[in-house]
Amino acid sequence: MHILADANIPRVGPVFGELGTVHTKPGRAISSADVQEADVL
């Protein structure tokens, strides 16, 4: 599962890493293409 999260969310990697691959980006840098590729936002 592809998980996309704002880089400012603390501990998102350790908490959700067991569920899939966590990708973080600064919130203002998340594009519509990033969202389309994600299973979870």
N, C-alpha and C. Protein backbone atom coordinates (compact mmCIF):
# COMPACT_ATOMS: atom_id res chain seq x y z
N MET A 1 0.85 -1.15 0.00
CA MET A 1 0.00 0.00 0.00
C MET A 1 0.91 1.23 0.00
N HIS A 2 0.56 2.21 -0.80
CA HIS A 2 1.31 3.47 -0.92
C HIS A 2 0.62 4.52 -0.06
N ILE A 3 1.32 4.95 0.98
CA ILE A 3 0.78 5.93 1.93
C ILE A 3 1.51 7.24 1.72
N LEU A 4 0.77 8.31 1.49
CA LEU A 4 1.34 9.64 1.31
C LEU A 4 0.93 10.51 2.48
N ALA A 5 1.92 11.17 3.10
CA ALA A 5 1.62 11.99 4.27
C ALA A 5 2.44 13.27 4.23
N ASP A 6 1.91 14.28 4.88
CA ASP A 6 2.62 15.54 5.06
C ASP A 6 3.84 15.27 5.95
N ALA A 7 4.98 15.79 5.56
CA ALA A 7 6.22 15.57 6.30
C ALA A 7 6.18 16.16 7.70
N ASN A 8 5.25 17.06 7.97
CA ASN A 8 5.15 17.69 9.29
C ASN A 8 4.36 16.86 10.30
N ILE A 9 3.81 15.74 9.88
CA ILE A 9 3.07 14.89 10.81
C ILE A 9 4.09 14.03 11.57
N PRO A 10 4.16 14.21 12.89
CA PRO A 10 5.16 13.45 13.66
C PRO A 10 4.86 11.96 13.68
N ARG A 11 5.92 11.15 13.61
CA ARG A 11 5.88 9.69 13.75
C ARG A 11 5.01 8.97 12.72
N VAL A 12 4.72 9.60 11.60
CA VAL A 12 3.87 8.96 10.60
C VAL A 12 4.54 7.69 10.05
N GLY A 13 5.84 7.73 9.85
CA GLY A 13 6.56 6.57 9.33
C GLY A 13 6.51 5.38 10.26
N PRO A 14 6.92 5.55 11.52
CA PRO A 14 6.88 4.42 12.44
C PRO A 14 5.47 3.87 12.69
N VAL A 15 4.49 4.75 12.71
CA VAL A 15 3.12 4.31 13.02
C VAL A 15 2.49 3.57 11.84
N PHE A 16 2.64 4.09 10.63
CA PHE A 16 1.97 3.51 9.47
C PHE A 16 2.88 2.64 8.61
N GLY A 17 4.16 2.59 8.92
CA GLY A 17 5.12 1.82 8.13
C GLY A 17 4.80 0.34 8.03
N GLU A 18 4.14 -0.20 9.04
CA GLU A 18 3.78 -1.62 9.02
C GLU A 18 2.67 -1.91 8.00
N LEU A 19 1.94 -0.89 7.61
CA LEU A 19 0.81 -1.08 6.70
C LEU A 19 1.20 -0.96 5.23
N GLY A 20 2.35 -0.33 4.96
CA GLY A 20 2.77 -0.15 3.58
C GLY A 20 3.97 0.77 3.50
N THR A 21 4.22 1.26 2.31
CA THR A 21 5.33 2.17 2.07
C THR A 21 4.87 3.59 2.32
N VAL A 22 5.54 4.26 3.25
CA VAL A 22 5.17 5.62 3.61
C VAL A 22 6.07 6.60 2.86
N HIS A 23 5.45 7.51 2.14
CA HIS A 23 6.16 8.59 1.45
C HIS A 23 5.71 9.89 2.08
N THR A 24 6.67 10.72 2.47
CA THR A 24 6.33 12.01 3.05
C THR A 24 6.85 13.13 2.16
N LYS A 25 6.08 14.18 2.09
CA LYS A 25 6.45 15.38 1.35
C LYS A 25 5.93 16.58 2.12
N PRO A 26 6.59 17.72 1.96
CA PRO A 26 6.01 18.93 2.57
C PRO A 26 4.59 19.13 2.03
N GLY A 27 3.68 19.49 2.90
CA GLY A 27 2.27 19.61 2.52
C GLY A 27 2.02 20.45 1.30
N ARG A 28 2.70 21.57 1.18
CA ARG A 28 2.49 22.45 0.03
C ARG A 28 3.10 21.90 -1.25
N ALA A 29 3.92 20.87 -1.14
CA ALA A 29 4.56 20.28 -2.32
C ALA A 29 3.81 19.06 -2.84
N ILE A 30 2.77 18.62 -2.13
CA ILE A 30 1.99 17.46 -2.58
C ILE A 30 1.13 17.88 -3.76
N SER A 31 1.34 17.20 -4.88
CA SER A 31 0.62 17.55 -6.11
C SER A 31 -0.53 16.58 -6.35
N SER A 32 -1.35 16.91 -7.33
CA SER A 32 -2.46 16.01 -7.68
C SER A 32 -1.93 14.68 -8.19
N ALA A 33 -0.80 14.68 -8.86
CA ALA A 33 -0.20 13.43 -9.34
C ALA A 33 0.23 12.56 -8.16
N ASP A 34 0.76 13.17 -7.11
CA ASP A 34 1.14 12.42 -5.91
C ASP A 34 -0.09 11.76 -5.30
N VAL A 35 -1.18 12.49 -5.23
CA VAL A 35 -2.41 11.98 -4.63
C VAL A 35 -2.99 10.84 -5.46
N GLN A 36 -2.93 10.95 -6.78
CA GLN A 36 -3.48 9.91 -7.65
C GLN A 36 -2.73 8.59 -7.47
N GLU A 37 -1.44 8.65 -7.18
CA GLU A 37 -0.64 7.44 -7.01
C GLU A 37 -0.80 6.82 -5.63
N ALA A 38 -1.32 7.57 -4.67
CA ALA A 38 -1.42 7.10 -3.29
C ALA A 38 -2.68 6.26 -3.08
N ASP A 39 -2.53 5.26 -2.21
CA ASP A 39 -3.69 4.49 -1.78
C ASP A 39 -4.33 5.14 -0.55
N VAL A 40 -3.50 5.78 0.26
CA VAL A 40 -3.96 6.43 1.48
C VAL A 40 -3.30 7.79 1.57
N LEU A 41 -4.07 8.79 1.95
CA LEU A 41 -3.54 10.15 2.12
C LEU A 41 -3.68 10.56 3.56
